[in-house]
Amino acid sequence: MKILLLGSNGQLGWELQRTCPDYVTLDACDYPQIDLCSTGGILERIRACRPDSLINVAAYTAVDKAEEDRDTADRLNHTAVAEIAGYCRQDNIRMVHISTDFVFNGQNHKPYLPDDPPDPISVYGRTKLGGEQSVQKILRNQSLIIRTAWLYSSHGDNFVKTMLRLMKEKQSLNIIDEQIGTPTWANGLARAIWTALEKKISGLFHWTDAGVASWYDFAMAIQEEGMTAGLLNQAIPVFPIPGHLYPTPAKRPFYSVLDKTSFLHALDLKPIHWRVHLRSMLKEIHP
């Protein structure tokens, strides 16, 4: 099986490369090797690779910056995705595309199902919704769209590594406790993607780790597990605060827990709690 991976430099792209099965020939690329704003560059890489499937994990993910840089966010998250899907249809290539919990408004009080009506409240969410809708329209049964949330990894910048750094530098921290979701180790998502490709699963699904947390809960767990792993020498006070005390340019969903039931069933996998995966990831970081 030959796979073209777009977005290899990010957290998920890195995890996909290190979990790649032996039976897969992987062509991994990212900027500056390929410019996702360049129609010709994308097509040239696809035609040169001639893959059986394409995994697109490239995206404009600067949520707050997207409120100002709308054109670039829409280009990377929407129109470029539509063009890639069009090329895949022309060459009969299966496409895996990663989307986000930000396609929902966060007003639910139970986990979102894949077929719940989307209603994004930020530019980032709207552009990501545009991308996934384009893939669905153009490729239909030749695509797999996976919405995920709160990704982290031992590679790259993320909330876990930021918390570990701040907990060494600061005397105390204030963390928002009003946004509810599920932390997700990118390594687990990468393995789910490879399983889905092997099983030739198509459709729209959700994937996160199991369980629920606020950002405050997540930060507290990072400190506790970081102490156990020897990554932190002492605990500092961490205080929960309401969202209005930390305003951001982009609105974020208050509640964005995703229901994973249908995807877990299709993959024949059991859910793993986010704290178990957090512990596994922290073992990869050396004191």
C-alpha atoms as a PDB file:
ATOM      1  CA  MET A   1       0.000   0.000   0.000  1.00  0.00           C
ATOM      2  CA  LYS A   2       1.388   3.406  -1.003  1.00  0.00           C
ATOM      3  CA  ILE A   3       0.345   6.450   1.020  1.00  0.00           C
ATOM      4  CA  LEU A   4       0.942  10.164   0.472  1.00  0.00           C
ATOM      5  CA  LEU A   5       0.982  12.106   3.752  1.00  0.00           C
ATOM      6  CA  LEU A   6       0.430  15.871   3.635  1.00  0.00           C
ATOM      7  CA  GLY A   7       1.405  17.712   6.820  1.00  0.00           C
ATOM      8  CA  SER A   8       4.269  15.528   8.011  1.00  0.00           C
ATOM      9  CA  ASN A   9       5.878  18.160  10.260  1.00  0.00           C
ATOM     10  CA  GLY A  10       3.025  18.469  12.734  1.00  0.00           C
ATOM     11  CA  GLN A  11       2.209  16.383  15.786  1.00  0.00           C
ATOM     12  CA  LEU A  12      -0.102  13.953  14.020  1.00  0.00           C
ATOM     13  CA  GLY A  13       2.087  13.778  10.920  1.00  0.00           C
ATOM     14  CA  TRP A  14       5.059  12.858  13.103  1.00  0.00           C
ATOM     15  CA  GLU A  15       3.078  10.169  14.928  1.00  0.00           C
ATOM     16  CA  LEU A  16       1.812   8.739  11.623  1.00  0.00           C
ATOM     17  CA  GLN A  17       5.387   8.365  10.426  1.00  0.00           C
ATOM     18  CA  ARG A  18       6.650   6.587  13.526  1.00  0.00           C
ATOM     19  CA  THR A  19       3.628   4.250  13.718  1.00  0.00           C
ATOM     20  CA  CYS A  20       3.594   3.490   9.977  1.00  0.00           C
ATOM     21  CA  PRO A  21       3.031  -0.258   9.361  1.00  0.00           C
ATOM     22  CA  ASP A  22       5.713  -2.253   7.552  1.00  0.00           C
ATOM     23  CA  TYR A  23       3.396  -3.001   4.631  1.00  0.00           C
ATOM     24  CA  VAL A  24       2.972   0.726   3.857  1.00  0.00           C
ATOM     25  CA  THR A  25       5.239   2.752   1.571  1.00  0.00           C
ATOM     26  CA  LEU A  26       4.911   6.257   2.964  1.00  0.00           C
ATOM     27  CA  ASP A  27       5.685   9.461   1.066  1.00  0.00           C
ATOM     28  CA  ALA A  28       5.615  12.152   3.758  1.00  0.00           C
ATOM     29  CA  CYS A  29       5.854  15.827   2.871  1.00  0.00           C
ATOM     30  CA  ASP A  30       5.150  19.285   4.217  1.00  0.00           C
ATOM     31  CA  TYR A  31       6.089  22.904   3.619  1.00  0.00           C
ATOM     32  CA  PRO A  32       8.538  23.899   2.116  1.00  0.00           C
ATOM     33  CA  GLN A  33       8.673  20.649   0.124  1.00  0.00           C
ATOM     34  CA  ILE A  34       5.113  21.316  -0.956  1.00  0.00           C
ATOM     35  CA  ASP A  35       3.110  24.532  -0.821  1.00  0.00           C
ATOM     36  CA  LEU A  36      -0.514  23.728  -0.012  1.00  0.00           C
ATOM     37  CA  CYS A  37      -1.483  27.142  -1.369  1.00  0.00           C
ATOM     38  CA  SER A  38      -0.134  26.070  -4.766  1.00  0.00           C
ATOM     39  CA  THR A  39      -2.588  24.114  -6.884  1.00  0.00           C
ATOM     40  CA  GLY A  40       0.102  22.955  -9.266  1.00  0.00           C
ATOM     41  CA  GLY A  41       2.450  21.856  -6.503  1.00  0.00           C
ATOM     42  CA  ILE A  42      -0.161  19.616  -4.888  1.00  0.00           C
ATOM     43  CA  LEU A  43      -1.133  17.972  -8.157  1.00  0.00           C
ATOM     44  CA  GLU A  44       2.507  17.458  -9.134  1.00  0.00           C
ATOM     45  CA  ARG A  45       3.257  15.667  -5.852  1.00  0.00           C
ATOM     46  CA  ILE A  46       0.173  13.448  -6.146  1.00  0.00           C
ATOM     47  CA  ARG A  47       0.997  12.476  -9.718  1.00  0.00           C
ATOM     48  CA  ALA A  48       4.658  11.802  -8.833  1.00  0.00           C
ATOM     49  CA  CYS A  49       3.714   9.611  -5.866  1.00  0.00           C
ATOM     50  CA  ARG A  50       0.746   7.780  -7.461  1.00  0.00           C
ATOM     51  CA  PRO A  51      -0.589   6.743  -4.030  1.00  0.00           C
ATOM     52  CA  ASP A  52      -3.379   4.328  -3.219  1.00  0.00           C
ATOM     53  CA  SER A  53      -4.510   6.680  -0.441  1.00  0.00           C
ATOM     54  CA  LEU A  54      -3.788  10.230   0.699  1.00  0.00           C
ATOM     55  CA  ILE A  55      -3.788  11.349   4.338  1.00  0.00           C
ATOM     56  CA  ASN A  56      -4.256  15.080   4.829  1.00  0.00           C
ATOM     57  CA  VAL A  57      -3.308  16.310   8.297  1.00  0.00           C
ATOM     58  CA  ALA A  58      -2.082  19.717   7.097  1.00  0.00           C
ATOM     59  CA  ALA A  59      -4.138  22.653   8.351  1.00  0.00           C
ATOM     60  CA  TYR A  60      -4.161  26.248   9.516  1.00  0.00           C
ATOM     61  CA  THR A  61      -4.494  25.652  13.273  1.00  0.00           C
ATOM     62  CA  ALA A  62      -3.736  29.078  14.779  1.00  0.00           C
ATOM     63  CA  VAL A  63      -7.290  29.513  16.073  1.00  0.00           C
ATOM     64  CA  ASP A  64      -6.982  33.110  17.281  1.00  0.00           C
ATOM     65  CA  LYS A  65      -4.821  34.304  14.385  1.00  0.00           C
ATOM     66  CA  ALA A  66      -7.396  32.937  11.940  1.00  0.00           C
ATOM     67  CA  GLU A  67      -9.859  35.623  13.048  1.00  0.00           C
ATOM     68  CA  GLU A  68      -7.614  38.181  11.322  1.00  0.00           C
ATOM     69  CA  ASP A  69      -5.984  35.995   8.662  1.00  0.00           C
ATOM     70  CA  ARG A  70      -9.248  34.667   7.251  1.00  0.00           C
ATOM     71  CA  ASP A  71      -8.162  34.271   3.645  1.00  0.00           C
ATOM     72  CA  THR A  72      -5.140  32.116   4.461  1.00  0.00           C
ATOM     73  CA  ALA A  73      -7.108  30.005   6.935  1.00  0.00           C
ATOM     74  CA  ASP A  74      -9.828  29.410   4.351  1.00  0.00           C
ATOM     75  CA  ARG A  75      -7.266  28.612   1.679  1.00  0.00           C
ATOM     76  CA  LEU A  76      -5.509  25.938   3.725  1.00  0.00           C
ATOM     77  CA  ASN A  77      -8.512  24.497   5.555  1.00  0.00           C
ATOM     78  CA  HIS A  78     -11.136  24.700   2.822  1.00  0.00           C
ATOM     79  CA  THR A  79     -10.276  25.496  -0.791  1.00  0.00           C
ATOM     80  CA  ALA A  80      -6.983  23.566  -0.866  1.00  0.00           C
ATOM     81  CA  VAL A  81      -8.761  20.589   0.703  1.00  0.00           C
ATOM     82  CA  ALA A  82     -11.441  20.746  -1.997  1.00  0.00           C
ATOM     83  CA  GLU A  83      -8.744  20.787  -4.691  1.00  0.00           C
ATOM     84  CA  ILE A  84      -6.968  17.806  -3.128  1.00  0.00           C
ATOM     85  CA  ALA A  85     -10.259  15.909  -3.001  1.00  0.00           C
ATOM     86  CA  GLY A  86     -10.820  16.699  -6.676  1.00  0.00           C
ATOM     87  CA  TYR A  87      -7.418  15.298  -7.615  1.00  0.00           C
ATOM     88  CA  CYS A  88      -8.127  12.181  -5.556  1.00  0.00           C
ATOM     89  CA  ARG A  89     -11.399  11.649  -7.411  1.00  0.00           C
ATOM     90  CA  GLN A  90      -9.676  12.025 -10.784  1.00  0.00           C
ATOM     91  CA  ASP A  91      -7.005   9.438  -9.924  1.00  0.00           C
ATOM     92  CA  ASN A  92      -9.234   7.102  -7.870  1.00  0.00           C
ATOM     93  CA  ILE A  93      -7.320   7.755  -4.626  1.00  0.00           C
ATOM     94  CA  ARG A  94      -8.877   7.241  -1.192  1.00  0.00           C
ATOM     95  CA  MET A  95      -8.574  10.269   1.078  1.00  0.00           C
ATOM     96  CA  VAL A  96      -8.312  10.525   4.857  1.00  0.00           C
ATOM     97  CA  HIS A  97      -8.956  14.033   6.163  1.00  0.00           C
ATOM     98  CA  ILE A  98      -8.683  15.295   9.745  1.00  0.00           C
ATOM     99  CA  SER A  99     -11.221  17.780  11.081  1.00  0.00           C
ATOM    100  CA  THR A 100     -12.035  19.230  14.481  1.00  0.00           C
ATOM    101  CA  ASP A 101     -14.480  19.571  17.381  1.00  0.00           C
ATOM    102  CA  PHE A 102     -14.572  23.294  16.522  1.00  0.00           C
ATOM    103  CA  VAL A 103     -17.221  22.586  13.874  1.00  0.00           C
ATOM    104  CA  PHE A 104     -19.711  22.535  16.800  1.00  0.00           C
ATOM    105  CA  ASN A 105     -20.965  25.497  18.830  1.00  0.00           C
ATOM    106  CA  GLY A 106     -20.370  23.828  22.196  1.00  0.00           C
ATOM    107  CA  GLN A 107     -23.927  24.228  23.478  1.00  0.00           C
ATOM    108  CA  ASN A 108     -24.628  20.481  23.706  1.00  0.00           C
ATOM    109  CA  HIS A 109     -24.820  18.804  27.084  1.00  0.00           C
ATOM    110  CA  LYS A 110     -23.996  15.342  25.831  1.00  0.00           C
ATOM    111  CA  PRO A 111     -21.217  14.072  23.523  1.00  0.00           C
ATOM    112  CA  TYR A 112     -21.613  15.153  19.899  1.00  0.00           C
ATOM    113  CA  LEU A 113     -22.476  12.429  17.391  1.00  0.00           C
ATOM    114  CA  PRO A 114     -20.918  12.566  13.898  1.00  0.00           C
ATOM    115  CA  ASP A 115     -24.301  13.417  12.348  1.00  0.00           C
ATOM    116  CA  ASP A 116     -25.194  16.184  14.820  1.00  0.00           C
ATOM    117  CA  PRO A 117     -25.699  19.533  13.025  1.00  0.00           C
ATOM    118  CA  PRO A 118     -22.442  21.549  12.910  1.00  0.00           C
ATOM    119  CA  ASP A 119     -22.518  25.210  13.904  1.00  0.00           C
ATOM    120  CA  PRO A 120     -18.997  26.670  14.158  1.00  0.00           C
ATOM    121  CA  ILE A 121     -18.494  29.878  16.136  1.00  0.00           C
ATOM    122  CA  SER A 122     -15.001  30.812  14.905  1.00  0.00           C
ATOM    123  CA  VAL A 123     -13.241  31.381  11.587  1.00  0.00           C
ATOM    124  CA  TYR A 124     -11.126  28.310  12.242  1.00  0.00           C
ATOM    125  CA  GLY A 125     -14.222  26.185  12.822  1.00  0.00           C
ATOM    126  CA  ARG A 126     -16.006  27.520   9.744  1.00  0.00           C
ATOM    127  CA  THR A 127     -13.017  26.916   7.474  1.00  0.00           C
ATOM    128  CA  LYS A 128     -12.529  23.389   8.798  1.00  0.00           C
ATOM    129  CA  LEU A 129     -16.215  22.657   8.267  1.00  0.00           C
ATOM    130  CA  GLY A 130     -15.913  23.914   4.700  1.00  0.00           C
ATOM    131  CA  GLY A 131     -13.040  21.518   4.115  1.00  0.00           C
ATOM    132  CA  GLU A 132     -14.779  18.436   5.440  1.00  0.00           C
ATOM    133  CA  GLN A 133     -17.993  19.250   3.554  1.00  0.00           C
ATOM    134  CA  SER A 134     -16.002  19.570   0.320  1.00  0.00           C
ATOM    135  CA  VAL A 135     -14.423  16.149   0.858  1.00  0.00           C
ATOM    136  CA  GLN A 136     -17.833  14.607   1.524  1.00  0.00           C
ATOM    137  CA  LYS A 137     -19.349  16.179  -1.566  1.00  0.00           C
ATOM    138  CA  ILE A 138     -16.507  15.383  -3.957  1.00  0.00           C
ATOM    139  CA  LEU A 139     -15.408  11.926  -2.807  1.00  0.00           C
ATOM    140  CA  ARG A 140     -18.452  10.461  -1.068  1.00  0.00           C
ATOM    141  CA  ASN A 141     -17.613   6.804  -0.330  1.00  0.00           C
ATOM    142  CA  GLN A 142     -13.925   7.225  -1.185  1.00  0.00           C
ATOM    143  CA  SER A 143     -13.113   9.297   1.887  1.00  0.00           C
ATOM    144  CA  LEU A 144     -12.707   9.043   5.634  1.00  0.00           C
ATOM    145  CA  ILE A 145     -13.158  12.194   7.709  1.00  0.00           C
ATOM    146  CA  ILE A 146     -12.124  12.077  11.364  1.00  0.00           C
ATOM    147  CA  ARG A 147     -12.957  14.855  13.798  1.00  0.00           C
ATOM    148  CA  THR A 148     -10.677  15.022  16.806  1.00  0.00           C
ATOM    149  CA  ALA A 149      -9.861  17.386  19.677  1.00  0.00           C
ATOM    150  CA  TRP A 150      -7.214  18.606  22.135  1.00  0.00           C
ATOM    151  CA  LEU A 151      -4.311  16.846  20.404  1.00  0.00           C
ATOM    152  CA  TYR A 152      -0.884  16.598  22.025  1.00  0.00           C
ATOM    153  CA  SER A 153       2.331  14.656  21.472  1.00  0.00           C
ATOM    154  CA  SER A 154       5.933  14.551  22.657  1.00  0.00           C
ATOM    155  CA  HIS A 155       6.702  16.220  19.302  1.00  0.00           C
ATOM    156  CA  GLY A 156       5.987  19.879  18.641  1.00  0.00           C
ATOM    157  CA  ASP A 157       4.246  22.545  20.718  1.00  0.00           C
ATOM    158  CA  ASN A 158       1.099  21.746  22.671  1.00  0.00           C
ATOM    159  CA  PHE A 159      -0.734  22.292  25.954  1.00  0.00           C
ATOM    160  CA  VAL A 160       1.049  19.485  27.803  1.00  0.00           C
ATOM    161  CA  LYS A 161       4.540  20.730  27.024  1.00  0.00           C
ATOM    162  CA  THR A 162       3.526  24.337  27.681  1.00  0.00           C
ATOM    163  CA  MET A 163       2.166  23.400  31.104  1.00  0.00           C
ATOM    164  CA  LEU A 164       5.331  21.497  32.003  1.00  0.00           C
ATOM    165  CA  ARG A 165       7.435  24.532  31.067  1.00  0.00           C
ATOM    166  CA  LEU A 166       5.247  27.032  32.933  1.00  0.00           C
ATOM    167  CA  MET A 167       5.084  24.830  36.015  1.00  0.00           C
ATOM    168  CA  LYS A 168       8.877  25.074  36.197  1.00  0.00           C
ATOM    169  CA  GLU A 169       8.960  28.834  35.595  1.00  0.00           C
ATOM    170  CA  LYS A 170       5.929  30.186  37.496  1.00  0.00           C
ATOM    171  CA  GLN A 171       4.918  30.364  41.144  1.00  0.00           C
ATOM    172  CA  SER A 172       1.265  29.651  40.277  1.00  0.00           C
ATOM    173  CA  LEU A 173      -1.027  29.280  37.257  1.00  0.00           C
ATOM    174  CA  ASN A 174      -4.594  30.271  36.397  1.00  0.00           C
ATOM    175  CA  ILE A 175      -6.320  27.809  34.025  1.00  0.00           C
ATOM    176  CA  ILE A 176      -9.795  28.044  32.501  1.00  0.00           C
ATOM    177  CA  ASP A 177     -12.233  25.478  33.882  1.00  0.00           C
ATOM    178  CA  GLU A 178     -15.258  26.326  31.704  1.00  0.00           C
ATOM    179  CA  GLN A 179     -14.237  24.577  28.479  1.00  0.00           C
ATOM    180  CA  ILE A 180     -14.950  20.851  28.501  1.00  0.00           C
ATOM    181  CA  GLY A 181     -13.524  18.292  26.069  1.00  0.00           C
ATOM    182  CA  THR A 182     -11.192  15.300  25.865  1.00  0.00           C
ATOM    183  CA  PRO A 183      -7.381  15.362  25.697  1.00  0.00           C
ATOM    184  CA  THR A 184      -6.136  13.137  22.870  1.00  0.00           C
ATOM    185  CA  TRP A 185      -2.694  11.626  22.361  1.00  0.00           C
ATOM    186  CA  ALA A 186      -1.840  11.980  18.670  1.00  0.00           C
ATOM    187  CA  ASN A 187      -0.143   8.585  18.774  1.00  0.00           C
ATOM    188  CA  GLY A 188      -3.472   6.875  19.479  1.00  0.00           C
ATOM    189  CA  LEU A 189      -5.165   8.736  16.638  1.00  0.00           C
ATOM    190  CA  ALA A 190      -2.344   7.798  14.262  1.00  0.00           C
ATOM    191  CA  ARG A 191      -2.773   4.114  15.078  1.00  0.00           C
ATOM    192  CA  ALA A 192      -6.534   4.418  14.563  1.00  0.00           C
ATOM    193  CA  ILE A 193      -5.942   5.949  11.122  1.00  0.00           C
ATOM    194  CA  TRP A 194      -3.704   3.067  10.054  1.00  0.00           C
ATOM    195  CA  THR A 195      -6.294   0.554  11.261  1.00  0.00           C
ATOM    196  CA  ALA A 196      -9.044   2.388   9.382  1.00  0.00           C
ATOM    197  CA  LEU A 197      -7.007   2.384   6.174  1.00  0.00           C
ATOM    198  CA  GLU A 198      -6.329  -1.330   6.491  1.00  0.00           C
ATOM    199  CA  LYS A 199     -10.053  -1.988   7.010  1.00  0.00           C
ATOM    200  CA  LYS A 200     -10.986   0.434   4.178  1.00  0.00           C
ATOM    201  CA  ILE A 201     -13.405   2.343   6.405  1.00  0.00           C
ATOM    202  CA  SER A 202     -15.207   5.297   4.834  1.00  0.00           C
ATOM    203  CA  GLY A 203     -17.487   7.970   6.263  1.00  0.00           C
ATOM    204  CA  LEU A 204     -17.505  10.647   8.934  1.00  0.00           C
ATOM    205  CA  PHE A 205     -16.353   9.648  12.432  1.00  0.00           C
ATOM    206  CA  HIS A 206     -15.061  11.019  15.721  1.00  0.00           C
ATOM    207  CA  TRP A 207     -11.888  10.060  17.579  1.00  0.00           C
ATOM    208  CA  THR A 208     -10.510  11.196  20.917  1.00  0.00           C
ATOM    209  CA  ASP A 209      -9.286   9.372  23.972  1.00  0.00           C
ATOM    210  CA  ALA A 210     -11.926   8.258  26.467  1.00  0.00           C
ATOM    211  CA  GLY A 211     -13.134  10.440  29.307  1.00  0.00           C
ATOM    212  CA  VAL A 212     -13.890  14.110  29.857  1.00  0.00           C
ATOM    213  CA  ALA A 213     -11.904  17.019  31.309  1.00  0.00           C
ATOM    214  CA  SER A 214     -11.739  20.777  31.575  1.00  0.00           C
ATOM    215  CA  TRP A 215      -8.492  22.535  30.744  1.00  0.00           C
ATOM    216  CA  TYR A 216      -8.063  22.945  34.498  1.00  0.00           C
ATOM    217  CA  ASP A 217      -8.513  19.192  35.059  1.00  0.00           C
ATOM    218  CA  PHE A 218      -6.006  18.516  32.290  1.00  0.00           C
ATOM    219  CA  ALA A 219      -3.457  20.904  33.801  1.00  0.00           C
ATOM    220  CA  MET A 220      -3.812  19.307  37.238  1.00  0.00           C
ATOM    221  CA  ALA A 221      -3.289  15.850  35.735  1.00  0.00           C
ATOM    222  CA  ILE A 222      -0.208  17.068  33.848  1.00  0.00           C
ATOM    223  CA  GLN A 223       1.272  18.333  37.095  1.00  0.00           C
ATOM    224  CA  GLU A 224       0.483  15.146  39.028  1.00  0.00           C
ATOM    225  CA  GLU A 225       1.741  12.809  36.301  1.00  0.00           C
ATOM    226  CA  GLY A 226       4.699  15.092  35.616  1.00  0.00           C
ATOM    227  CA  MET A 227       5.743  14.862  39.253  1.00  0.00           C
ATOM    228  CA  THR A 228       5.476  11.060  39.151  1.00  0.00           C
ATOM    229  CA  ALA A 229       7.520  10.904  35.931  1.00  0.00           C
ATOM    230  CA  GLY A 230      10.274  13.076  37.394  1.00  0.00           C
ATOM    231  CA  LEU A 231       9.630  15.911  34.960  1.00  0.00           C
ATOM    232  CA  LEU A 232       8.675  18.365  37.733  1.00  0.00           C
ATOM    233  CA  ASN A 233      10.466  18.848  41.036  1.00  0.00           C
ATOM    234  CA  GLN A 234       7.628  20.463  42.945  1.00  0.00           C
ATOM    235  CA  ALA A 235       3.944  21.223  42.632  1.00  0.00           C
ATOM    236  CA  ILE A 236       2.718  24.801  42.302  1.00  0.00           C
ATOM    237  CA  PRO A 237      -0.804  26.134  42.994  1.00  0.00           C
ATOM    238  CA  VAL A 238      -3.094  25.873  39.948  1.00  0.00           C
ATOM    239  CA  PHE A 239      -6.301  27.908  40.183  1.00  0.00           C
ATOM    240  CA  PRO A 240      -9.494  27.415  38.117  1.00  0.00           C
ATOM    241  CA  ILE A 241     -10.811  30.589  36.486  1.00  0.00           C
ATOM    242  CA  PRO A 242     -13.839  31.433  34.315  1.00  0.00           C
ATOM    243  CA  GLY A 243     -13.302  32.047  30.618  1.00  0.00           C
ATOM    244  CA  HIS A 244     -14.137  35.762  30.724  1.00  0.00           C
ATOM    245  CA  LEU A 245     -10.969  36.384  32.734  1.00  0.00           C
ATOM    246  CA  TYR A 246      -8.891  35.134  29.805  1.00  0.00           C
ATOM    247  CA  PRO A 247     -10.535  36.594  26.670  1.00  0.00           C
ATOM    248  CA  THR A 248      -9.308  35.436  23.244  1.00  0.00           C
ATOM    249  CA  PRO A 249     -10.016  36.751  19.721  1.00  0.00           C
ATOM    250  CA  ALA A 250     -11.733  33.493  18.721  1.00  0.00           C
ATOM    251  CA  LYS A 251     -14.707  31.980  20.520  1.00  0.00           C
ATOM    252  CA  ARG A 252     -14.239  28.412  21.666  1.00  0.00           C
ATOM    253  CA  PRO A 253     -16.882  25.740  22.193  1.00  0.00           C
ATOM    254  CA  PHE A 254     -17.896  25.468  25.843  1.00  0.00           C
ATOM    255  CA  TYR A 255     -18.549  21.707  25.549  1.00  0.00           C
ATOM    256  CA  SER A 256     -17.010  19.737  22.704  1.00  0.00           C
ATOM    257  CA  VAL A 257     -16.878  16.128  23.883  1.00  0.00           C
ATOM    258  CA  LEU A 258     -17.125  13.841  20.847  1.00  0.00           C
ATOM    259  CA  ASP A 259     -18.997  10.525  20.753  1.00  0.00           C
ATOM    260  CA  LYS A 260     -16.555   7.885  19.443  1.00  0.00           C
ATOM    261  CA  THR A 261     -18.877   4.864  19.606  1.00  0.00           C
ATOM    262  CA  SER A 262     -19.389   4.294  15.876  1.00  0.00           C
ATOM    263  CA  PHE A 263     -15.677   4.573  15.023  1.00  0.00           C
ATOM    264  CA  LEU A 264     -14.569   2.322  17.887  1.00  0.00           C
ATOM    265  CA  HIS A 265     -17.088  -0.261  16.699  1.00  0.00           C
ATOM    266  CA  ALA A 266     -15.893  -0.006  13.083  1.00  0.00           C
ATOM    267  CA  LEU A 267     -12.258  -0.333  14.159  1.00  0.00           C
ATOM    268  CA  ASP A 268     -13.017  -3.073  16.703  1.00  0.00           C
ATOM    269  CA  LEU A 269     -11.034  -1.179  19.332  1.00  0.00           C
ATOM    270  CA  LYS A 270     -11.609  -0.465  23.009  1.00  0.00           C
ATOM    271  CA  PRO A 271     -11.401   3.113  24.337  1.00  0.00           C
ATOM    272  CA  ILE A 272      -8.353   4.169  26.352  1.00  0.00           C
ATOM    273  CA  HIS A 273      -8.751   6.883  28.986  1.00  0.00           C
ATOM    274  CA  TRP A 274      -6.940  10.139  28.290  1.00  0.00           C
ATOM    275  CA  ARG A 275      -4.993   9.961  31.548  1.00  0.00           C
ATOM    276  CA  VAL A 276      -3.507   6.571  30.601  1.00  0.00           C
ATOM    277  CA  HIS A 277      -2.318   8.024  27.304  1.00  0.00           C
ATOM    278  CA  LEU A 278      -0.987  11.143  29.034  1.00  0.00           C
ATOM    279  CA  ARG A 279       1.147   8.901  31.231  1.00  0.00           C
ATOM    280  CA  SER A 280       2.467   7.074  28.149  1.00  0.00           C
ATOM    281  CA  MET A 281       3.358  10.314  26.395  1.00  0.00           C
ATOM    282  CA  LEU A 282       5.184  11.746  29.430  1.00  0.00           C
ATOM    283  CA  LYS A 283       7.434   8.688  29.496  1.00  0.00           C
ATOM    284  CA  GLU A 284       8.798   9.857  26.128  1.00  0.00           C
ATOM    285  CA  ILE A 285      10.006  13.157  27.604  1.00  0.00           C
ATOM    286  CA  HIS A 286      13.315  12.981  29.428  1.00  0.00           C
ATOM    287  CA  PRO A 287      13.849  15.072  32.586  1.00  0.00           C
END
